[in-house]
C-alpha atoms as a PDB file:
ATOM      1  CA  UNK A   1     -13.490   0.023 204.029  1.00  0.00           C
ATOM      2  CA  UNK A   2      -9.950   0.448 205.762  1.00  0.00           C
ATOM      3  CA  UNK A   3      -9.714   3.897 204.241  1.00  0.00           C
ATOM      4  CA  UNK A   4     -13.182   5.096 205.530  1.00  0.00           C
ATOM      5  CA  UNK A   5     -12.238   3.933 208.982  1.00  0.00           C
ATOM      6  CA  UNK A   6      -9.091   6.120 208.809  1.00  0.00           C
ATOM      7  CA  UNK A   7     -11.082   9.170 207.633  1.00  0.00           C
ATOM      8  CA  UNK A   8     -11.351  11.958 209.853  1.00  0.00           C
ATOM      9  CA  UNK A   9     -13.997  14.811 209.250  1.00  0.00           C
ATOM     10  CA  UNK A  10     -14.323  18.008 210.992  1.00  0.00           C
ATOM     11  CA  UNK A  11     -16.898  20.646 211.041  1.00  0.00           C
ATOM     12  CA  UNK A  12     -15.035  23.942 211.183  1.00  0.00           C
ATOM     13  CA  UNK A  13     -11.275  24.015 212.064  1.00  0.00           C
ATOM     14  CA  UNK A  14      -9.924  21.353 214.342  1.00  0.00           C
ATOM     15  CA  UNK A  15      -8.198  22.075 217.619  1.00  0.00           C
ATOM     16  CA  UNK A  16      -4.499  22.501 217.053  1.00  0.00           C
ATOM     17  CA  UNK A  17      -5.105  24.657 213.952  1.00  0.00           C
ATOM     18  CA  UNK A  18      -7.953  26.937 215.294  1.00  0.00           C
ATOM     19  CA  UNK A  19      -5.267  29.137 216.858  1.00  0.00           C
ATOM     20  CA  UNK A  20      -2.785  29.263 214.155  1.00  0.00           C
ATOM     21  CA  UNK A  21      -2.594  32.376 211.881  1.00  0.00           C
ATOM     22  CA  UNK A  22      -4.404  31.787 208.504  1.00  0.00           C
ATOM     23  CA  UNK A  23      -1.986  32.441 205.525  1.00  0.00           C
ATOM     24  CA  UNK A  24      -2.571  32.637 201.674  1.00  0.00           C
ATOM     25  CA  UNK A  25      -0.227  30.739 199.635  1.00  0.00           C
ATOM     26  CA  UNK A  26       0.242  32.206 196.149  1.00  0.00           C
ATOM     27  CA  UNK A  27       1.527  28.860 194.629  1.00  0.00           C
ATOM     28  CA  UNK A  28      -2.079  27.490 195.118  1.00  0.00           C
ATOM     29  CA  UNK A  29      -4.147  30.323 193.720  1.00  0.00           C
ATOM     30  CA  UNK A  30      -6.004  29.079 190.697  1.00  0.00           C
ATOM     31  CA  UNK A  31      -5.489  32.344 188.525  1.00  0.00           C
ATOM     32  CA  UNK A  32      -1.535  32.089 189.089  1.00  0.00           C
ATOM     33  CA  UNK A  33      -1.248  28.413 188.613  1.00  0.00           C
ATOM     34  CA  UNK A  34      -3.390  27.640 185.491  1.00  0.00           C
ATOM     35  CA  UNK A  35      -2.691  28.503 181.975  1.00  0.00           C
ATOM     36  CA  UNK A  36      -4.988  30.588 179.867  1.00  0.00           C
ATOM     37  CA  UNK A  37      -5.977  27.773 177.751  1.00  0.00           C
ATOM     38  CA  UNK A  38      -6.456  25.210 180.426  1.00  0.00           C
ATOM     39  CA  UNK A  39     -10.077  23.885 181.378  1.00  0.00           C
ATOM     40  CA  UNK A  40     -11.141  23.873 185.105  1.00  0.00           C
ATOM     41  CA  UNK A  41     -14.081  23.180 187.151  1.00  0.00           C
ATOM     42  CA  UNK A  42     -15.248  23.736 190.659  1.00  0.00           C
ATOM     43  CA  UNK A  43     -16.012  20.630 193.078  1.00  0.00           C
ATOM     44  CA  UNK A  44     -19.398  22.038 193.634  1.00  0.00           C
ATOM     45  CA  UNK A  45     -20.181  21.824 189.947  1.00  0.00           C
ATOM     46  CA  UNK A  46     -19.105  18.363 189.598  1.00  0.00           C
ATOM     47  CA  UNK A  47     -20.974  17.277 192.685  1.00  0.00           C
ATOM     48  CA  UNK A  48     -24.152  18.991 191.510  1.00  0.00           C
ATOM     49  CA  UNK A  49     -23.724  17.031 188.161  1.00  0.00           C
ATOM     50  CA  UNK A  50     -23.568  13.860 190.166  1.00  0.00           C
ATOM     51  CA  UNK A  51     -26.813  14.420 192.053  1.00  0.00           C
ATOM     52  CA  UNK A  52     -25.817  16.696 195.124  1.00  0.00           C
ATOM     53  CA  UNK A  53     -28.660  18.942 195.772  1.00  0.00           C
ATOM     54  CA  UNK A  54     -27.252  21.759 198.280  1.00  0.00           C
ATOM     55  CA  UNK A  55     -25.093  23.672 195.852  1.00  0.00           C
ATOM     56  CA  UNK A  56     -27.356  26.751 196.211  1.00  0.00           C
ATOM     57  CA  UNK A  57     -27.395  26.633 199.827  1.00  0.00           C
ATOM     58  CA  UNK A  58     -23.420  26.362 200.018  1.00  0.00           C
ATOM     59  CA  UNK A  59     -23.355  29.351 197.784  1.00  0.00           C
ATOM     60  CA  UNK A  60     -25.656  31.473 199.912  1.00  0.00           C
ATOM     61  CA  UNK A  61     -23.759  30.462 203.080  1.00  0.00           C
ATOM     62  CA  UNK A  62     -20.549  31.446 201.371  1.00  0.00           C
ATOM     63  CA  UNK A  63     -21.609  34.864 200.253  1.00  0.00           C
ATOM     64  CA  UNK A  64     -22.918  35.623 203.915  1.00  0.00           C
ATOM     65  CA  UNK A  65     -19.290  34.671 205.020  1.00  0.00           C
ATOM     66  CA  UNK A  66     -17.445  36.766 202.588  1.00  0.00           C
ATOM     67  CA  UNK A  67     -19.639  39.801 203.306  1.00  0.00           C
END
């Protein structure tokens, strides 16, 4: 319960970070960090298996942002 009280959730980018330059961190990229024989999964896939029903909507919205 205390952890949920401390949880902060934002829609979009919060104030001090919205003006900062966005950077790419190569150490965090999946294709550079994972070895070829390692298994991986997406958070969206896990949440769909757990019963979340909005994976199709999120995929459609992400495609709209990338275009």
